[in-house]
């Protein structure tokens, strides 16, 4: 049995854009979600499940290792980008995964032009940093998932204090 058949494709930008164009031709609503997804937890699952409910095709952008270090500190990520992408790609409601190397998801939004850009509940529609770009590209921002009471940083603190 080839387990690769169970995973969503992890695609480079050009291949992802071609797939997104095919999905759009089929009149599918494209949703883009993004994050570091280091130390995957139930909050991530609920965020991505909520994102999928917005449309027909869920694309997940994963921050590259270099960008995670810049965002979270030199000791992060705990898992390399390819492994984080593989974990996300194993979720049945994820259609495509890509790793982005830019400091923000803005270029990916401009390239994909999603119908919806999903963000977690640590944001409001008004304070999503990419909000104006999403609107410029003809999309909408949506806040999804459960209350922000799960975090990788909190998990790290718990594990560190038990040592």
N, C-alpha and C. Protein backbone atom coordinates (compact mmCIF):
# COMPACT_ATOMS: atom_id res chain seq x y z
N UNK A 1 0.85 -1.18 0.00
CA UNK A 1 0.00 0.00 0.00
C UNK A 1 0.89 1.25 0.00
N UNK A 2 0.57 2.19 -0.83
CA UNK A 2 1.33 3.43 -0.91
C UNK A 2 0.63 4.49 -0.06
N UNK A 3 1.23 4.83 1.09
CA UNK A 3 0.60 5.81 1.99
C UNK A 3 0.54 7.20 1.38
N UNK A 4 1.36 7.46 0.36
CA UNK A 4 1.34 8.78 -0.28
C UNK A 4 -0.04 9.10 -0.86
N UNK A 5 -0.81 8.07 -1.20
CA UNK A 5 -2.15 8.30 -1.74
C UNK A 5 -3.10 8.91 -0.73
N UNK A 6 -2.76 8.85 0.54
CA UNK A 6 -3.63 9.38 1.59
C UNK A 6 -3.33 10.83 1.92
N UNK A 7 -2.25 11.37 1.40
CA UNK A 7 -1.80 12.71 1.74
C UNK A 7 -2.18 13.70 0.64
N UNK A 8 -2.51 14.92 1.07
CA UNK A 8 -2.70 15.99 0.09
C UNK A 8 -1.35 16.33 -0.52
N UNK A 9 -1.32 16.74 -1.78
CA UNK A 9 -0.04 17.10 -2.39
C UNK A 9 0.61 18.30 -1.71
N UNK A 10 1.92 18.21 -1.53
CA UNK A 10 2.73 19.33 -1.05
C UNK A 10 3.40 19.88 -2.30
N UNK A 11 3.00 21.09 -2.70
CA UNK A 11 3.38 21.62 -4.00
C UNK A 11 4.22 22.88 -3.91
N UNK A 12 5.13 23.01 -4.86
CA UNK A 12 5.85 24.27 -5.06
C UNK A 12 4.85 25.28 -5.61
N UNK A 13 5.18 26.55 -5.52
CA UNK A 13 4.25 27.63 -5.86
C UNK A 13 3.66 27.49 -7.27
N UNK A 14 4.46 27.26 -8.29
CA UNK A 14 3.93 27.21 -9.66
C UNK A 14 2.96 26.07 -9.86
N UNK A 15 3.28 24.90 -9.30
CA UNK A 15 2.36 23.76 -9.42
C UNK A 15 1.07 24.02 -8.65
N UNK A 16 1.19 24.68 -7.49
CA UNK A 16 0.01 25.03 -6.70
C UNK A 16 -0.89 25.99 -7.48
N UNK A 17 -0.29 26.98 -8.13
CA UNK A 17 -1.09 27.94 -8.89
C UNK A 17 -1.83 27.25 -10.03
N UNK A 18 -1.20 26.29 -10.66
CA UNK A 18 -1.87 25.54 -11.73
C UNK A 18 -3.05 24.75 -11.18
N UNK A 19 -2.86 24.11 -10.03
CA UNK A 19 -3.96 23.35 -9.41
C UNK A 19 -5.09 24.28 -8.98
N UNK A 20 -4.73 25.44 -8.41
CA UNK A 20 -5.75 26.40 -7.98
C UNK A 20 -6.56 26.88 -9.19
N UNK A 21 -5.91 27.08 -10.32
CA UNK A 21 -6.61 27.50 -11.53
C UNK A 21 -7.60 26.43 -11.98
N UNK A 22 -7.20 25.17 -11.89
CA UNK A 22 -8.10 24.07 -12.24
C UNK A 22 -9.31 24.04 -11.31
N UNK A 23 -9.06 24.21 -10.00
CA UNK A 23 -10.16 24.23 -9.02
C UNK A 23 -11.11 25.39 -9.30
N UNK A 24 -10.54 26.54 -9.65
CA UNK A 24 -11.36 27.72 -9.94
C UNK A 24 -12.21 27.49 -11.19
N UNK A 25 -11.66 26.82 -12.21
CA UNK A 25 -12.42 26.51 -13.42
C UNK A 25 -13.60 25.60 -13.11
N UNK A 26 -13.49 24.80 -12.06
CA UNK A 26 -14.57 23.92 -11.64
C UNK A 26 -15.56 24.65 -10.73
N UNK A 27 -15.41 25.97 -10.63
CA UNK A 27 -16.25 26.82 -9.77
C UNK A 27 -16.16 26.47 -8.30
N UNK A 28 -15.00 26.01 -7.88
CA UNK A 28 -14.81 25.70 -6.47
C UNK A 28 -14.34 26.95 -5.73
N UNK A 29 -14.85 27.11 -4.50
CA UNK A 29 -14.44 28.22 -3.65
C UNK A 29 -13.14 27.83 -2.96
N UNK A 30 -12.11 28.65 -3.18
CA UNK A 30 -10.77 28.36 -2.66
C UNK A 30 -10.57 29.09 -1.34
N UNK A 31 -10.08 28.35 -0.36
CA UNK A 31 -9.79 28.89 0.96
C UNK A 31 -8.29 28.75 1.21
N UNK A 32 -7.68 29.80 1.72
CA UNK A 32 -6.27 29.76 2.11
C UNK A 32 -6.17 29.95 3.61
N UNK A 33 -5.46 29.04 4.26
CA UNK A 33 -5.13 29.16 5.68
C UNK A 33 -3.61 29.07 5.76
N UNK A 34 -3.03 29.61 6.81
CA UNK A 34 -1.58 29.56 6.93
C UNK A 34 -1.14 29.54 8.38
N UNK A 35 0.10 29.11 8.59
CA UNK A 35 0.66 29.10 9.93
C UNK A 35 1.97 28.36 9.98
N UNK A 36 2.57 28.37 11.17
CA UNK A 36 3.82 27.65 11.40
C UNK A 36 3.56 26.16 11.62
N UNK A 37 2.54 25.83 12.37
CA UNK A 37 2.14 24.46 12.68
C UNK A 37 3.29 23.66 13.29
N UNK A 38 4.03 24.30 14.18
CA UNK A 38 5.10 23.64 14.93
C UNK A 38 4.45 23.10 16.20
N UNK A 39 4.70 21.88 16.56
CA UNK A 39 4.03 21.21 17.68
C UNK A 39 2.52 21.26 17.48
N UNK A 40 2.08 20.51 16.56
CA UNK A 40 0.67 20.47 16.14
C UNK A 40 -0.23 20.12 17.32
N UNK A 41 -1.34 20.83 17.48
CA UNK A 41 -2.27 20.60 18.59
C UNK A 41 -3.72 20.77 18.11
N UNK A 42 -4.65 20.51 19.02
CA UNK A 42 -6.07 20.52 18.67
C UNK A 42 -6.54 21.88 18.16
N UNK A 43 -5.94 22.95 18.61
CA UNK A 43 -6.31 24.27 18.09
C UNK A 43 -6.04 24.38 16.60
N UNK A 44 -4.95 23.76 16.15
CA UNK A 44 -4.64 23.75 14.71
C UNK A 44 -5.72 22.97 13.94
N UNK A 45 -6.11 21.82 14.48
CA UNK A 45 -7.14 21.01 13.83
C UNK A 45 -8.43 21.82 13.70
N UNK A 46 -8.84 22.46 14.76
CA UNK A 46 -10.11 23.21 14.75
C UNK A 46 -10.03 24.40 13.81
N UNK A 47 -8.88 25.04 13.74
CA UNK A 47 -8.67 26.16 12.81
C UNK A 47 -8.79 25.69 11.37
N UNK A 48 -8.09 24.62 11.03
CA UNK A 48 -8.12 24.13 9.65
C UNK A 48 -9.47 23.53 9.27
N UNK A 49 -10.13 22.87 10.20
CA UNK A 49 -11.47 22.34 9.93
C UNK A 49 -12.44 23.50 9.69
N UNK A 50 -12.33 24.55 10.49
CA UNK A 50 -13.17 25.73 10.29
C UNK A 50 -12.90 26.41 8.96
N UNK A 51 -11.63 26.42 8.57
CA UNK A 51 -11.27 27.02 7.28
C UNK A 51 -11.92 26.22 6.15
N UNK A 52 -11.86 24.93 6.24
CA UNK A 52 -12.43 24.08 5.17
C UNK A 52 -13.93 24.30 5.01
N UNK A 53 -14.61 24.58 6.10
CA UNK A 53 -16.06 24.79 6.04
C UNK A 53 -16.43 26.01 5.20
N UNK A 54 -15.47 26.89 4.94
CA UNK A 54 -15.74 28.09 4.15
C UNK A 54 -15.84 27.83 2.65
N UNK A 55 -15.26 26.72 2.20
CA UNK A 55 -15.22 26.52 0.76
C UNK A 55 -15.04 25.07 0.36
N UNK A 56 -14.63 24.89 -0.89
CA UNK A 56 -14.53 23.57 -1.49
C UNK A 56 -13.10 23.05 -1.59
N UNK A 57 -12.13 23.93 -1.51
CA UNK A 57 -10.73 23.57 -1.70
C UNK A 57 -9.89 24.32 -0.67
N UNK A 58 -9.27 23.58 0.24
CA UNK A 58 -8.45 24.20 1.29
C UNK A 58 -6.98 24.06 0.94
N UNK A 59 -6.33 25.21 0.79
CA UNK A 59 -4.89 25.30 0.59
C UNK A 59 -4.28 25.80 1.89
N UNK A 60 -3.24 25.13 2.36
CA UNK A 60 -2.58 25.54 3.60
C UNK A 60 -1.15 25.94 3.29
N UNK A 61 -0.81 27.17 3.66
CA UNK A 61 0.56 27.67 3.53
C UNK A 61 1.30 27.47 4.84
N UNK A 62 2.48 26.87 4.77
CA UNK A 62 3.31 26.60 5.95
C UNK A 62 4.50 27.54 5.91
N UNK A 63 4.74 28.26 7.01
CA UNK A 63 5.93 29.12 7.09
C UNK A 63 7.19 28.27 7.00
N UNK A 64 8.16 28.73 6.21
CA UNK A 64 9.44 28.03 6.09
C UNK A 64 10.18 28.04 7.42
N UNK A 65 11.16 27.16 7.55
CA UNK A 65 11.97 27.10 8.78
C UNK A 65 12.59 28.46 9.09
N UNK A 66 13.13 29.11 8.08
CA UNK A 66 13.78 30.42 8.28
C UNK A 66 12.78 31.44 8.84
N UNK A 67 11.58 31.46 8.31
CA UNK A 67 10.57 32.42 8.79
C UNK A 67 10.08 32.06 10.19
N UNK A 68 9.97 30.77 10.51
CA UNK A 68 9.58 30.38 11.87
C UNK A 68 10.63 30.87 12.86
N UNK A 69 11.91 30.72 12.53
CA UNK A 69 12.97 31.21 13.42
C UNK A 69 12.83 32.71 13.66
N UNK A 70 12.53 33.44 12.60
CA UNK A 70 12.36 34.89 12.74
C UNK A 70 11.15 35.24 13.59
N UNK A 71 10.08 34.46 13.46
CA UNK A 71 8.85 34.73 14.21
C UNK A 71 8.90 34.24 15.65
N UNK A 72 9.48 33.05 15.86
CA UNK A 72 9.37 32.36 17.15
C UNK A 72 10.67 32.29 17.94
N UNK A 73 11.81 32.55 17.29
CA UNK A 73 13.08 32.50 18.00
C UNK A 73 14.02 31.45 17.41
N UNK A 74 15.28 31.58 17.74
CA UNK A 74 16.33 30.72 17.17
C UNK A 74 16.16 29.24 17.47
N UNK A 75 15.49 28.90 18.56
CA UNK A 75 15.33 27.48 18.91
C UNK A 75 14.13 26.82 18.22
N UNK A 76 13.48 27.54 17.34
CA UNK A 76 12.32 27.01 16.64
C UNK A 76 12.60 26.99 15.15
N UNK A 77 11.94 26.22 14.36
CA UNK A 77 10.91 25.26 14.73
C UNK A 77 11.51 23.98 15.31
N UNK A 78 10.68 23.21 15.98
CA UNK A 78 11.10 21.92 16.51
C UNK A 78 11.10 20.86 15.42
N UNK A 79 10.22 21.02 14.46
CA UNK A 79 10.13 20.09 13.33
C UNK A 79 10.46 20.84 12.05
N UNK A 80 11.21 20.22 11.15
CA UNK A 80 11.52 20.89 9.89
C UNK A 80 10.27 21.10 9.03
N UNK A 81 10.35 22.06 8.14
CA UNK A 81 9.21 22.47 7.32
C UNK A 81 8.57 21.31 6.56
N UNK A 82 9.38 20.42 6.03
CA UNK A 82 8.83 19.31 5.24
C UNK A 82 7.98 18.38 6.12
N UNK A 83 8.43 18.15 7.36
CA UNK A 83 7.64 17.30 8.27
C UNK A 83 6.36 18.01 8.71
N UNK A 84 6.45 19.30 8.97
CA UNK A 84 5.24 20.05 9.33
C UNK A 84 4.24 20.02 8.18
N UNK A 85 4.74 20.17 6.96
CA UNK A 85 3.87 20.12 5.78
C UNK A 85 3.23 18.74 5.63
N UNK A 86 4.00 17.70 5.90
CA UNK A 86 3.47 16.34 5.77
C UNK A 86 2.37 16.07 6.79
N UNK A 87 2.55 16.55 8.01
CA UNK A 87 1.52 16.38 9.04
C UNK A 87 0.22 17.05 8.59
N UNK A 88 0.32 18.29 8.14
CA UNK A 88 -0.87 19.02 7.69
C UNK A 88 -1.50 18.33 6.48
N UNK A 89 -0.66 17.82 5.58
CA UNK A 89 -1.19 17.19 4.37
C UNK A 89 -1.94 15.89 4.66
N UNK A 90 -1.73 15.32 5.85
CA UNK A 90 -2.41 14.07 6.22
C UNK A 90 -3.86 14.29 6.65
N UNK A 91 -4.25 15.53 6.87
CA UNK A 91 -5.62 15.82 7.29
C UNK A 91 -6.56 15.69 6.10
N UNK A 92 -7.65 14.95 6.28
CA UNK A 92 -8.54 14.64 5.16
C UNK A 92 -9.22 15.87 4.57
N UNK A 93 -9.32 16.95 5.31
CA UNK A 93 -9.99 18.13 4.78
C UNK A 93 -9.04 19.14 4.15
N UNK A 94 -7.75 18.80 4.05
CA UNK A 94 -6.76 19.66 3.39
C UNK A 94 -6.55 19.14 1.97
N UNK A 95 -6.64 20.05 0.99
CA UNK A 95 -6.48 19.64 -0.41
C UNK A 95 -5.05 19.82 -0.92
N UNK A 96 -4.41 20.92 -0.56
CA UNK A 96 -3.05 21.20 -1.02
C UNK A 96 -2.28 21.91 0.09
N UNK A 97 -0.98 21.65 0.10
CA UNK A 97 -0.09 22.29 1.07
C UNK A 97 1.08 22.88 0.30
N UNK A 98 1.54 24.03 0.76
CA UNK A 98 2.74 24.64 0.19
C UNK A 98 3.54 25.27 1.31
N UNK A 99 4.83 25.37 1.09
CA UNK A 99 5.72 26.04 2.05
C UNK A 99 6.04 27.40 1.44
N UNK A 100 5.84 28.46 2.23
CA UNK A 100 6.18 29.78 1.71
C UNK A 100 7.37 30.35 2.46
N UNK A 101 8.24 31.04 1.71
CA UNK A 101 9.51 31.50 2.25
C UNK A 101 9.54 33.00 2.53
N UNK A 102 8.49 33.70 2.15
CA UNK A 102 8.43 35.13 2.41
C UNK A 102 8.08 35.38 3.88
N UNK A 103 8.38 36.57 4.37
CA UNK A 103 8.08 36.87 5.79
C UNK A 103 6.60 36.87 6.13
N UNK A 104 5.75 37.13 5.14
CA UNK A 104 4.30 37.12 5.36
C UNK A 104 3.64 36.30 4.26
N UNK A 105 2.36 36.05 4.42
CA UNK A 105 1.60 35.26 3.46
C UNK A 105 1.06 36.12 2.31
N UNK A 106 1.41 37.39 2.29
CA UNK A 106 0.85 38.33 1.31
C UNK A 106 1.09 37.91 -0.14
N UNK A 107 2.31 37.50 -0.49
CA UNK A 107 2.60 37.10 -1.87
C UNK A 107 1.80 35.86 -2.27
N UNK A 108 1.62 34.95 -1.33
CA UNK A 108 0.84 33.76 -1.61
C UNK A 108 -0.63 34.13 -1.85
N UNK A 109 -1.15 35.06 -1.10
CA UNK A 109 -2.52 35.54 -1.31
C UNK A 109 -2.65 36.15 -2.70
N UNK A 110 -1.69 37.01 -3.06
CA UNK A 110 -1.74 37.64 -4.39
C UNK A 110 -1.68 36.60 -5.51
N UNK A 111 -0.89 35.56 -5.30
CA UNK A 111 -0.74 34.53 -6.33
C UNK A 111 -1.99 33.66 -6.45
N UNK A 112 -2.53 33.23 -5.32
CA UNK A 112 -3.67 32.29 -5.32
C UNK A 112 -5.00 33.00 -5.52
N UNK A 113 -5.12 34.21 -4.96
CA UNK A 113 -6.37 34.97 -5.01
C UNK A 113 -7.53 34.15 -4.45
N UNK A 114 -7.42 33.72 -3.18
CA UNK A 114 -8.46 32.85 -2.61
C UNK A 114 -9.78 33.59 -2.44
N UNK A 115 -10.86 32.82 -2.46
CA UNK A 115 -12.17 33.39 -2.14
C UNK A 115 -12.23 33.80 -0.68
N UNK A 116 -11.56 33.00 0.18
CA UNK A 116 -11.50 33.27 1.61
C UNK A 116 -10.08 33.09 2.11
N UNK A 117 -9.68 33.99 2.99
CA UNK A 117 -8.42 33.83 3.72
C UNK A 117 -8.81 33.63 5.18
N UNK A 118 -8.56 32.45 5.70
CA UNK A 118 -8.98 32.09 7.05
C UNK A 118 -7.87 32.38 8.05
N UNK A 119 -8.25 33.01 9.14
CA UNK A 119 -7.33 33.29 10.24
C UNK A 119 -7.96 32.76 11.53
N UNK A 120 -7.10 32.51 12.52
CA UNK A 120 -7.56 32.00 13.80
C UNK A 120 -8.17 33.07 14.67
N UNK A 121 -8.72 32.64 15.79
CA UNK A 121 -9.48 33.54 16.67
C UNK A 121 -8.60 34.48 17.49
N UNK A 122 -7.28 34.40 17.30
CA UNK A 122 -6.43 35.41 17.93
C UNK A 122 -6.46 36.71 17.11
N UNK A 123 -7.20 36.71 16.02
CA UNK A 123 -7.40 37.90 15.19
C UNK A 123 -8.87 38.28 15.19
N UNK A 124 -9.13 39.50 14.74
CA UNK A 124 -10.48 39.91 14.37
C UNK A 124 -10.40 40.26 12.89
N UNK A 125 -11.53 40.34 12.23
CA UNK A 125 -11.52 40.69 10.81
C UNK A 125 -10.82 42.02 10.59
N UNK A 126 -10.95 42.93 11.53
CA UNK A 126 -10.37 44.27 11.38
C UNK A 126 -8.86 44.28 11.54
N UNK A 127 -8.28 43.35 12.33
CA UNK A 127 -6.83 43.43 12.57
C UNK A 127 -5.99 42.36 11.86
N UNK A 128 -6.59 41.65 10.92
CA UNK A 128 -5.81 40.69 10.12
C UNK A 128 -4.83 41.49 9.27
N UNK A 129 -3.52 41.22 9.41
CA UNK A 129 -2.52 42.03 8.69
C UNK A 129 -2.69 42.03 7.17
N UNK A 130 -3.17 40.94 6.62
CA UNK A 130 -3.30 40.81 5.17
C UNK A 130 -4.67 41.24 4.65
N UNK A 131 -5.49 41.78 5.50
CA UNK A 131 -6.88 42.08 5.16
C UNK A 131 -7.03 42.87 3.86
N UNK A 132 -6.29 43.96 3.72
CA UNK A 132 -6.44 44.82 2.54
C UNK A 132 -6.04 44.09 1.26
N UNK A 133 -5.01 43.25 1.34
CA UNK A 133 -4.57 42.50 0.16
C UNK A 133 -5.63 41.48 -0.24
N UNK A 134 -6.23 40.82 0.74
CA UNK A 134 -7.29 39.85 0.45
C UNK A 134 -8.44 40.55 -0.27
N UNK A 135 -8.83 41.70 0.23
CA UNK A 135 -9.93 42.46 -0.38
C UNK A 135 -9.55 42.91 -1.79
N UNK A 136 -8.30 43.42 -1.96
CA UNK A 136 -7.81 43.82 -3.29
C UNK A 136 -7.91 42.68 -4.30
N UNK A 137 -7.68 41.45 -3.81
CA UNK A 137 -7.69 40.27 -4.67
C UNK A 137 -9.09 39.69 -4.84
N UNK A 138 -10.09 40.37 -4.31
CA UNK A 138 -11.47 39.94 -4.49
C UNK A 138 -11.96 38.91 -3.49
N UNK A 139 -11.19 38.69 -2.42
CA UNK A 139 -11.57 37.70 -1.43
C UNK A 139 -12.13 38.31 -0.16
N UNK A 140 -12.43 37.43 0.78
CA UNK A 140 -12.94 37.84 2.08
C UNK A 140 -12.07 37.23 3.17
N UNK A 141 -11.95 37.93 4.28
CA UNK A 141 -11.26 37.41 5.46
C UNK A 141 -12.31 36.77 6.35
N UNK A 142 -11.97 35.62 6.93
CA UNK A 142 -12.88 34.95 7.85
C UNK A 142 -12.09 34.49 9.07
N UNK A 143 -12.69 34.61 10.23
CA UNK A 143 -12.09 34.15 11.48
C UNK A 143 -12.73 32.81 11.83
N UNK A 144 -11.90 31.79 12.02
CA UNK A 144 -12.40 30.44 12.24
C UNK A 144 -11.64 29.75 13.37
N UNK A 145 -12.21 28.66 13.84
CA UNK A 145 -11.58 27.87 14.89
C UNK A 145 -12.17 28.19 16.25
N UNK A 146 -11.57 27.58 17.26
CA UNK A 146 -12.07 27.82 18.62
C UNK A 146 -11.30 28.98 19.26
N UNK A 147 -11.75 29.36 20.45
CA UNK A 147 -11.06 30.42 21.18
C UNK A 147 -9.59 30.06 21.30
N UNK A 148 -8.74 31.06 21.25
CA UNK A 148 -7.29 30.83 21.29
C UNK A 148 -6.88 30.45 22.71
N UNK A 149 -7.11 29.18 23.07
CA UNK A 149 -6.65 28.72 24.38
C UNK A 149 -5.76 27.49 24.23
N UNK A 150 -5.18 27.34 23.03
CA UNK A 150 -4.19 26.30 22.78
C UNK A 150 -3.02 26.98 22.08
N UNK A 151 -1.81 26.68 22.46
CA UNK A 151 -0.67 27.22 21.73
C UNK A 151 0.54 26.32 21.91
N UNK A 152 1.36 26.30 20.87
CA UNK A 152 2.61 25.54 20.95
C UNK A 152 3.50 26.11 22.04
N UNK A 153 3.51 27.42 22.18
CA UNK A 153 4.34 28.07 23.21
C UNK A 153 3.93 27.61 24.59
N UNK A 154 2.63 27.49 24.85
CA UNK A 154 2.16 27.00 26.14
C UNK A 154 2.57 25.55 26.36
N UNK A 155 2.49 24.73 25.31
CA UNK A 155 2.92 23.33 25.42
C UNK A 155 4.41 23.25 25.77
N UNK A 156 5.19 24.11 25.15
CA UNK A 156 6.64 24.12 25.42
C UNK A 156 6.89 24.47 26.88
N UNK A 157 6.17 25.45 27.40
CA UNK A 157 6.34 25.84 28.81
C UNK A 157 5.99 24.70 29.75
N UNK A 158 4.93 23.99 29.44
CA UNK A 158 4.51 22.86 30.29
C UNK A 158 5.58 21.78 30.28
N UNK A 159 6.04 21.41 29.10
CA UNK A 159 7.05 20.37 28.98
C UNK A 159 8.36 20.80 29.65
N UNK A 160 8.74 22.04 29.48
CA UNK A 160 9.99 22.55 30.08
C UNK A 160 9.93 22.56 31.60
N UNK A 161 8.77 22.89 32.15
CA UNK A 161 8.65 22.97 33.61
C UNK A 161 8.64 21.58 34.25
N UNK A 162 8.32 20.54 33.48
CA UNK A 162 8.28 19.18 34.01
C UNK A 162 9.64 18.51 34.01
N UNK A 163 10.63 19.15 33.44
CA UNK A 163 11.97 18.53 33.36
C UNK A 163 12.80 18.85 34.56
